[in-house]
Amino acid sequence: MDHTERDSREVFENYSFQVVEKLFEEGKGDLNKLTLDEQEVVRIWRLEADMYNGGFIQFFCNWGYDNFKATQQVLKKIKAEKSLSIITECEQMIAKAKDDPQVKEYWDIPKVLANYLTPAETKRLDELDELYWDNPDDIQQLAYMQYLSSSKA
């Protein structure tokens, strides 16, 4: 990775922090008060922060299905195809628990998930988190190119 790429990642990360701060300070947490590009940056921030903290289950349970679907669209837009594939497969697995009567809110899913996944599927869910942690698409760089570069693709 050259110096410029490292710098652009840092620039995007700092920009994403500014947009999230704007979301809460000016938008009072209402995503619709931001521009569409800013909303997409917030979705990238949510994905990156939670995936690198607690993995897909944390991301999904913190932000919900609608955010997940919108994040899929953002990943398509910035051409983060491997990351898109990872989170899509994760969601397909945890969706097996969505109709459980004990699931009243998203954070109930991990409580019942073991009832729906085979040991191999549980292992796969962990493997998918680890694949994401390998940064297969370099989302920060792709996001920089999409939202901040003067030579937008």
C-alpha atoms as a PDB file:
ATOM      1  CA  MET A   1       0.000   0.000   0.000  1.00  0.00           C
ATOM      2  CA  ASP A   2       1.498   3.297  -0.984  1.00  0.00           C
ATOM      3  CA  HIS A   3       1.476   6.493   1.041  1.00  0.00           C
ATOM      4  CA  THR A   4      -1.355   8.037  -0.992  1.00  0.00           C
ATOM      5  CA  GLU A   5      -3.687   5.062  -0.479  1.00  0.00           C
ATOM      6  CA  ARG A   6      -3.000   5.056   3.261  1.00  0.00           C
ATOM      7  CA  ASP A   7      -3.713   8.783   3.387  1.00  0.00           C
ATOM      8  CA  SER A   8      -6.950   8.435   1.409  1.00  0.00           C
ATOM      9  CA  ARG A   9      -8.200   5.745   3.801  1.00  0.00           C
ATOM     10  CA  GLU A  10      -7.501   8.009   6.738  1.00  0.00           C
ATOM     11  CA  VAL A  11      -9.169  10.941   4.975  1.00  0.00           C
ATOM     12  CA  PHE A  12     -12.316   8.875   4.371  1.00  0.00           C
ATOM     13  CA  GLU A  13     -12.349   7.541   7.924  1.00  0.00           C
ATOM     14  CA  ASN A  14     -12.093  11.078   9.317  1.00  0.00           C
ATOM     15  CA  TYR A  15     -14.803  12.236   6.907  1.00  0.00           C
ATOM     16  CA  SER A  16     -17.088   9.407   8.049  1.00  0.00           C
ATOM     17  CA  PHE A  17     -16.612  10.495  11.683  1.00  0.00           C
ATOM     18  CA  GLN A  18     -17.577  14.055  10.694  1.00  0.00           C
ATOM     19  CA  VAL A  19     -20.708  12.846   8.899  1.00  0.00           C
ATOM     20  CA  VAL A  20     -21.753  10.694  11.866  1.00  0.00           C
ATOM     21  CA  GLU A  21     -21.200  13.673  14.166  1.00  0.00           C
ATOM     22  CA  LYS A  22     -23.367  15.783  11.838  1.00  0.00           C
ATOM     23  CA  LEU A  23     -26.043  13.072  11.945  1.00  0.00           C
ATOM     24  CA  PHE A  24     -26.374  13.465  15.697  1.00  0.00           C
ATOM     25  CA  GLU A  25     -25.636  17.150  16.138  1.00  0.00           C
ATOM     26  CA  GLU A  26     -27.606  18.573  13.228  1.00  0.00           C
ATOM     27  CA  GLY A  27     -29.886  15.709  12.265  1.00  0.00           C
ATOM     28  CA  LYS A  28     -30.694  14.578  15.816  1.00  0.00           C
ATOM     29  CA  GLY A  29     -30.051  11.007  14.681  1.00  0.00           C
ATOM     30  CA  ASP A  30     -32.472  11.208  11.735  1.00  0.00           C
ATOM     31  CA  LEU A  31     -30.666   9.770   8.721  1.00  0.00           C
ATOM     32  CA  ASN A  32     -33.164  11.461   6.389  1.00  0.00           C
ATOM     33  CA  LYS A  33     -31.811  14.877   7.418  1.00  0.00           C
ATOM     34  CA  LEU A  34     -28.551  14.045   5.606  1.00  0.00           C
ATOM     35  CA  THR A  35     -27.851  14.068   1.876  1.00  0.00           C
ATOM     36  CA  LEU A  36     -28.019  10.684   0.130  1.00  0.00           C
ATOM     37  CA  ASP A  37     -24.221  10.524  -0.082  1.00  0.00           C
ATOM     38  CA  GLU A  38     -23.952  11.305   3.627  1.00  0.00           C
ATOM     39  CA  GLN A  39     -26.505   8.600   4.423  1.00  0.00           C
ATOM     40  CA  GLU A  40     -24.385   6.127   2.476  1.00  0.00           C
ATOM     41  CA  VAL A  41     -21.258   7.214   4.351  1.00  0.00           C
ATOM     42  CA  VAL A  42     -23.076   6.619   7.653  1.00  0.00           C
ATOM     43  CA  ARG A  43     -24.044   3.134   6.468  1.00  0.00           C
ATOM     44  CA  ILE A  44     -20.406   2.383   5.601  1.00  0.00           C
ATOM     45  CA  TRP A  45     -19.342   3.682   9.018  1.00  0.00           C
ATOM     46  CA  ARG A  46     -21.935   1.488  10.765  1.00  0.00           C
ATOM     47  CA  LEU A  47     -20.836  -1.561   8.802  1.00  0.00           C
ATOM     48  CA  GLU A  48     -17.128  -1.037   9.353  1.00  0.00           C
ATOM     49  CA  ALA A  49     -17.438  -0.106  13.035  1.00  0.00           C
ATOM     50  CA  ASP A  50     -19.641  -3.046  13.976  1.00  0.00           C
ATOM     51  CA  MET A  51     -18.116  -5.687  11.713  1.00  0.00           C
ATOM     52  CA  TYR A  52     -14.657  -4.973  13.122  1.00  0.00           C
ATOM     53  CA  ASN A  53     -16.021  -4.884  16.667  1.00  0.00           C
ATOM     54  CA  GLY A  54     -18.511  -7.729  17.092  1.00  0.00           C
ATOM     55  CA  GLY A  55     -19.014  -9.049  13.582  1.00  0.00           C
ATOM     56  CA  PHE A  56     -22.129  -9.374  11.467  1.00  0.00           C
ATOM     57  CA  ILE A  57     -24.517 -10.200  14.294  1.00  0.00           C
ATOM     58  CA  GLN A  58     -23.585  -6.964  16.054  1.00  0.00           C
ATOM     59  CA  PHE A  59     -23.991  -4.974  12.825  1.00  0.00           C
ATOM     60  CA  PHE A  60     -27.361  -6.522  12.017  1.00  0.00           C
ATOM     61  CA  CYS A  61     -28.789  -6.402  15.537  1.00  0.00           C
ATOM     62  CA  ASN A  62     -27.672  -2.813  16.116  1.00  0.00           C
ATOM     63  CA  TRP A  63     -29.082  -1.406  12.882  1.00  0.00           C
ATOM     64  CA  GLY A  64     -31.749  -3.797  11.594  1.00  0.00           C
ATOM     65  CA  TYR A  65     -32.947  -5.242   8.328  1.00  0.00           C
ATOM     66  CA  ASP A  66     -33.735  -1.998   6.483  1.00  0.00           C
ATOM     67  CA  ASN A  67     -30.241  -0.680   7.196  1.00  0.00           C
ATOM     68  CA  PHE A  68     -28.804  -4.033   6.072  1.00  0.00           C
ATOM     69  CA  LYS A  69     -30.664  -3.822   2.731  1.00  0.00           C
ATOM     70  CA  ALA A  70     -29.584  -0.204   2.207  1.00  0.00           C
ATOM     71  CA  THR A  71     -25.985  -1.139   3.057  1.00  0.00           C
ATOM     72  CA  GLN A  72     -26.104  -3.882   0.433  1.00  0.00           C
ATOM     73  CA  GLN A  73     -26.976  -1.204  -2.129  1.00  0.00           C
ATOM     74  CA  VAL A  74     -24.080   0.988  -0.971  1.00  0.00           C
ATOM     75  CA  LEU A  75     -21.649  -1.925  -1.293  1.00  0.00           C
ATOM     76  CA  LYS A  76     -22.943  -2.561  -4.821  1.00  0.00           C
ATOM     77  CA  LYS A  77     -22.496   1.112  -5.670  1.00  0.00           C
ATOM     78  CA  ILE A  78     -18.874   1.248  -4.505  1.00  0.00           C
ATOM     79  CA  LYS A  79     -18.180  -2.204  -6.016  1.00  0.00           C
ATOM     80  CA  ALA A  80     -17.292  -3.895  -2.715  1.00  0.00           C
ATOM     81  CA  GLU A  81     -18.435  -7.235  -4.102  1.00  0.00           C
ATOM     82  CA  LYS A  82     -16.655  -9.572  -1.671  1.00  0.00           C
ATOM     83  CA  SER A  83     -17.943  -7.692   1.358  1.00  0.00           C
ATOM     84  CA  LEU A  84     -21.424  -7.678  -0.161  1.00  0.00           C
ATOM     85  CA  SER A  85     -21.244 -11.433  -0.632  1.00  0.00           C
ATOM     86  CA  ILE A  86     -20.073 -11.918   2.967  1.00  0.00           C
ATOM     87  CA  ILE A  87     -22.841  -9.898   4.602  1.00  0.00           C
ATOM     88  CA  THR A  88     -25.476 -11.385   2.290  1.00  0.00           C
ATOM     89  CA  GLU A  89     -24.492 -14.927   3.253  1.00  0.00           C
ATOM     90  CA  CYS A  90     -24.465 -13.961   6.942  1.00  0.00           C
ATOM     91  CA  GLU A  91     -27.962 -12.496   6.729  1.00  0.00           C
ATOM     92  CA  GLN A  92     -29.279 -15.590   4.948  1.00  0.00           C
ATOM     93  CA  MET A  93     -28.059 -17.697   7.862  1.00  0.00           C
ATOM     94  CA  ILE A  94     -29.446 -15.582  10.666  1.00  0.00           C
ATOM     95  CA  ALA A  95     -32.754 -15.177   8.793  1.00  0.00           C
ATOM     96  CA  LYS A  96     -33.509 -18.778   9.781  1.00  0.00           C
ATOM     97  CA  ALA A  97     -34.283 -17.494  13.287  1.00  0.00           C
ATOM     98  CA  LYS A  98     -36.391 -14.472  12.331  1.00  0.00           C
ATOM     99  CA  ASP A  99     -39.769 -16.161  12.760  1.00  0.00           C
ATOM    100  CA  ASP A 100     -38.955 -17.626  16.164  1.00  0.00           C
ATOM    101  CA  PRO A 101     -41.681 -16.552  18.612  1.00  0.00           C
ATOM    102  CA  GLN A 102     -38.997 -15.477  21.098  1.00  0.00           C
ATOM    103  CA  VAL A 103     -37.619 -12.929  18.620  1.00  0.00           C
ATOM    104  CA  LYS A 104     -39.291  -9.645  19.518  1.00  0.00           C
ATOM    105  CA  GLU A 105     -36.328  -7.413  18.635  1.00  0.00           C
ATOM    106  CA  TYR A 106     -33.109  -7.852  16.671  1.00  0.00           C
ATOM    107  CA  TRP A 107     -30.972  -8.589  19.729  1.00  0.00           C
ATOM    108  CA  ASP A 108     -33.177 -11.637  20.448  1.00  0.00           C
ATOM    109  CA  ILE A 109     -31.777 -13.333  17.325  1.00  0.00           C
ATOM    110  CA  PRO A 110     -28.429 -14.370  18.878  1.00  0.00           C
ATOM    111  CA  LYS A 111     -30.311 -15.844  21.858  1.00  0.00           C
ATOM    112  CA  VAL A 112     -32.113 -18.384  19.649  1.00  0.00           C
ATOM    113  CA  LEU A 113     -29.757 -18.698  16.684  1.00  0.00           C
ATOM    114  CA  ALA A 114     -28.117 -21.902  17.946  1.00  0.00           C
ATOM    115  CA  ASN A 115     -31.530 -23.595  17.638  1.00  0.00           C
ATOM    116  CA  TYR A 116     -31.513 -22.943  13.886  1.00  0.00           C
ATOM    117  CA  LEU A 117     -27.913 -23.355  12.763  1.00  0.00           C
ATOM    118  CA  THR A 118     -25.939 -26.547  12.441  1.00  0.00           C
ATOM    119  CA  PRO A 119     -22.464 -26.548  14.000  1.00  0.00           C
ATOM    120  CA  ALA A 120     -21.053 -26.183  10.475  1.00  0.00           C
ATOM    121  CA  GLU A 121     -23.233 -23.105   9.835  1.00  0.00           C
ATOM    122  CA  THR A 122     -22.198 -21.569  13.154  1.00  0.00           C
ATOM    123  CA  LYS A 123     -18.570 -22.129  12.193  1.00  0.00           C
ATOM    124  CA  ARG A 124     -19.239 -20.609   8.771  1.00  0.00           C
ATOM    125  CA  LEU A 125     -20.740 -17.492  10.363  1.00  0.00           C
ATOM    126  CA  ASP A 126     -17.503 -17.048  12.336  1.00  0.00           C
ATOM    127  CA  GLU A 127     -15.442 -17.687   9.195  1.00  0.00           C
ATOM    128  CA  LEU A 128     -17.403 -15.016   7.322  1.00  0.00           C
ATOM    129  CA  ASP A 129     -16.618 -12.459  10.026  1.00  0.00           C
ATOM    130  CA  GLU A 130     -12.946 -13.387   9.715  1.00  0.00           C
ATOM    131  CA  LEU A 131     -13.107 -13.070   5.926  1.00  0.00           C
ATOM    132  CA  TYR A 132     -14.534  -9.578   6.350  1.00  0.00           C
ATOM    133  CA  TRP A 133     -11.753  -8.699   8.799  1.00  0.00           C
ATOM    134  CA  ASP A 134      -9.258  -9.526   6.041  1.00  0.00           C
ATOM    135  CA  ASN A 135     -10.602  -6.374   4.307  1.00  0.00           C
ATOM    136  CA  PRO A 136     -11.161  -8.103   0.948  1.00  0.00           C
ATOM    137  CA  ASP A 137     -12.453  -5.034  -0.898  1.00  0.00           C
ATOM    138  CA  ASP A 138     -10.617  -2.238   0.912  1.00  0.00           C
ATOM    139  CA  ILE A 139     -13.919  -0.475   1.604  1.00  0.00           C
ATOM    140  CA  GLN A 140     -12.270   2.669   2.982  1.00  0.00           C
ATOM    141  CA  GLN A 141     -10.336   3.125  -0.277  1.00  0.00           C
ATOM    142  CA  LEU A 142     -13.393   2.391  -2.442  1.00  0.00           C
ATOM    143  CA  ALA A 143     -15.468   4.809  -0.370  1.00  0.00           C
ATOM    144  CA  TYR A 144     -12.810   7.496  -0.689  1.00  0.00           C
ATOM    145  CA  MET A 145     -12.881   7.067  -4.465  1.00  0.00           C
ATOM    146  CA  GLN A 146     -16.699   7.224  -4.519  1.00  0.00           C
ATOM    147  CA  TYR A 147     -17.341  10.102  -2.146  1.00  0.00           C
ATOM    148  CA  LEU A 148     -14.201  12.232  -1.865  1.00  0.00           C
ATOM    149  CA  SER A 149     -11.921  11.748  -4.858  1.00  0.00           C
ATOM    150  CA  SER A 150     -11.907  14.510  -7.444  1.00  0.00           C
ATOM    151  CA  SER A 151     -11.802  11.768 -10.084  1.00  0.00           C
ATOM    152  CA  LYS A 152     -14.992   9.958  -9.072  1.00  0.00           C
ATOM    153  CA  ALA A 153     -15.482   6.785 -11.059  1.00  0.00           C
END
